[in-house]
Amino acid sequence: MGGGCEMTLVCEYRVMSDKAIIGLPETQLGIFPGFGGTVRSTRIIGIDNALELIATGSPKKALAALKLGLVDATVPADDLQDAAIDLVKKMYLR
């Protein structure tokens, strides 16, 4: 959530635990997301989805984030590291 979410948007691919939540809740405190999440989220999920994510500050569960395209995969927490490594191998070791 927050700055952590913004830092993941820097990455080419994102894998998320199926129990985790993601979002930009700073706006609920009256703070504008300042680590580049506003620009990166619009590039990743489109301006309409990003605007909703930013303006509402409401978190997204894993499946909702996957449907939006905010993450590339969701897996059980116990499989998170292996899934991330597998994704990297698939994408870069073709």
Protein backbone atom coordinates (compact mmCIF):
# COMPACT_ATOMS: atom_id res chain seq x y z
CA MET A 1 0.00 0.00 0.00
CA GLY A 2 1.08 3.56 -0.55
CA GLY A 3 4.76 4.07 -1.25
CA GLY A 4 5.30 0.32 -1.39
CA CYS A 5 2.72 0.04 -4.16
CA GLU A 6 4.33 2.93 -6.00
CA MET A 7 7.73 1.26 -5.84
CA THR A 8 6.34 -1.97 -7.33
CA LEU A 9 5.02 0.00 -10.30
CA VAL A 10 8.64 0.65 -11.26
CA CYS A 11 9.06 -3.07 -11.96
CA GLU A 12 8.35 -4.63 -15.33
CA TYR A 13 6.35 -7.48 -13.80
CA ARG A 14 4.52 -7.78 -10.50
CA VAL A 15 3.53 -10.96 -8.61
CA MET A 16 1.22 -10.63 -5.62
CA SER A 17 0.04 -12.91 -2.84
CA ASP A 18 -3.62 -13.84 -3.22
CA LYS A 19 -4.21 -12.57 0.34
CA ALA A 20 -2.51 -9.19 -0.13
CA ILE A 21 -4.04 -5.82 -0.97
CA ILE A 22 -2.59 -3.04 -3.08
CA GLY A 23 -3.46 0.62 -3.49
CA LEU A 24 -2.63 4.28 -3.05
CA PRO A 25 -4.36 5.25 0.21
CA GLU A 26 -2.48 8.54 0.70
CA THR A 27 -5.33 10.52 -0.80
CA GLN A 28 -7.57 9.45 2.08
CA LEU A 29 -5.18 11.45 4.28
CA GLY A 30 -5.13 14.42 1.91
CA ILE A 31 -1.67 13.54 0.58
CA PHE A 32 -0.88 13.20 -3.12
CA PRO A 33 1.04 9.99 -3.96
CA GLY A 34 4.57 11.30 -4.42
CA PHE A 35 6.75 8.39 -5.54
CA GLY A 36 5.55 8.43 -9.15
CA GLY A 37 2.58 6.13 -8.64
CA THR A 38 0.18 8.51 -10.34
CA VAL A 39 2.17 8.57 -13.57
CA ARG A 40 3.11 4.90 -13.56
CA SER A 41 -0.36 3.64 -12.70
CA THR A 42 -1.88 5.54 -15.63
CA ARG A 43 0.63 3.95 -17.99
CA ILE A 44 -0.04 0.47 -16.61
CA ILE A 45 -3.82 0.40 -16.11
CA GLY A 46 -5.06 3.38 -18.12
CA ILE A 47 -6.15 6.79 -16.97
CA ASP A 48 -9.73 5.88 -16.04
CA ASN A 49 -8.72 3.00 -13.75
CA ALA A 50 -5.76 4.90 -12.33
CA LEU A 51 -7.89 7.94 -11.57
CA GLU A 52 -10.31 5.79 -9.60
CA LEU A 53 -7.44 4.10 -7.73
CA ILE A 54 -5.83 7.45 -6.87
CA ALA A 55 -8.94 9.51 -6.14
CA THR A 56 -10.70 6.98 -3.92
CA GLY A 57 -7.62 5.66 -2.17
CA SER A 58 -9.45 2.38 -1.71
CA PRO A 59 -7.34 -0.79 -1.68
CA LYS A 60 -7.73 -3.53 -4.26
CA LYS A 61 -7.69 -7.21 -3.41
CA ALA A 62 -5.44 -9.50 -5.42
CA LEU A 63 -8.01 -10.67 -7.98
CA ALA A 64 -9.25 -7.12 -8.60
CA ALA A 65 -5.65 -5.93 -9.07
CA LEU A 66 -5.05 -8.78 -11.52
CA LYS A 67 -8.19 -7.94 -13.51
CA LEU A 68 -7.12 -4.28 -13.68
CA GLY A 69 -3.66 -5.27 -14.89
CA LEU A 70 -1.98 -3.73 -11.86
CA VAL A 71 -0.24 -7.06 -11.20
CA ASP A 72 0.73 -9.82 -13.60
CA ALA A 73 0.04 -12.81 -11.36
CA THR A 74 -1.47 -13.75 -8.01
CA VAL A 75 -0.38 -16.85 -6.13
CA PRO A 76 -0.67 -18.31 -2.63
CA ALA A 77 1.71 -16.62 -0.18
CA ASP A 78 3.75 -19.81 0.26
CA ASP A 79 4.44 -19.90 -3.49
CA LEU A 80 5.25 -16.22 -3.93
CA GLN A 81 9.03 -16.45 -4.26
CA ASP A 82 8.95 -19.46 -6.58
CA ALA A 83 6.26 -17.84 -8.76
CA ALA A 84 8.28 -14.63 -9.07
CA ILE A 85 11.39 -16.57 -10.07
CA ASP A 86 9.40 -18.63 -12.59
CA LEU A 87 7.94 -15.46 -14.11
CA VAL A 88 11.39 -13.93 -14.54
CA LYS A 89 12.67 -17.11 -16.16
CA LYS A 90 9.68 -17.22 -18.52
CA MET A 91 10.05 -13.61 -19.57
CA TYR A 92 13.80 -13.31 -19.87
CA LEU A 93 15.12 -16.78 -20.59
CA ARG A 94 13.13 -17.52 -23.73
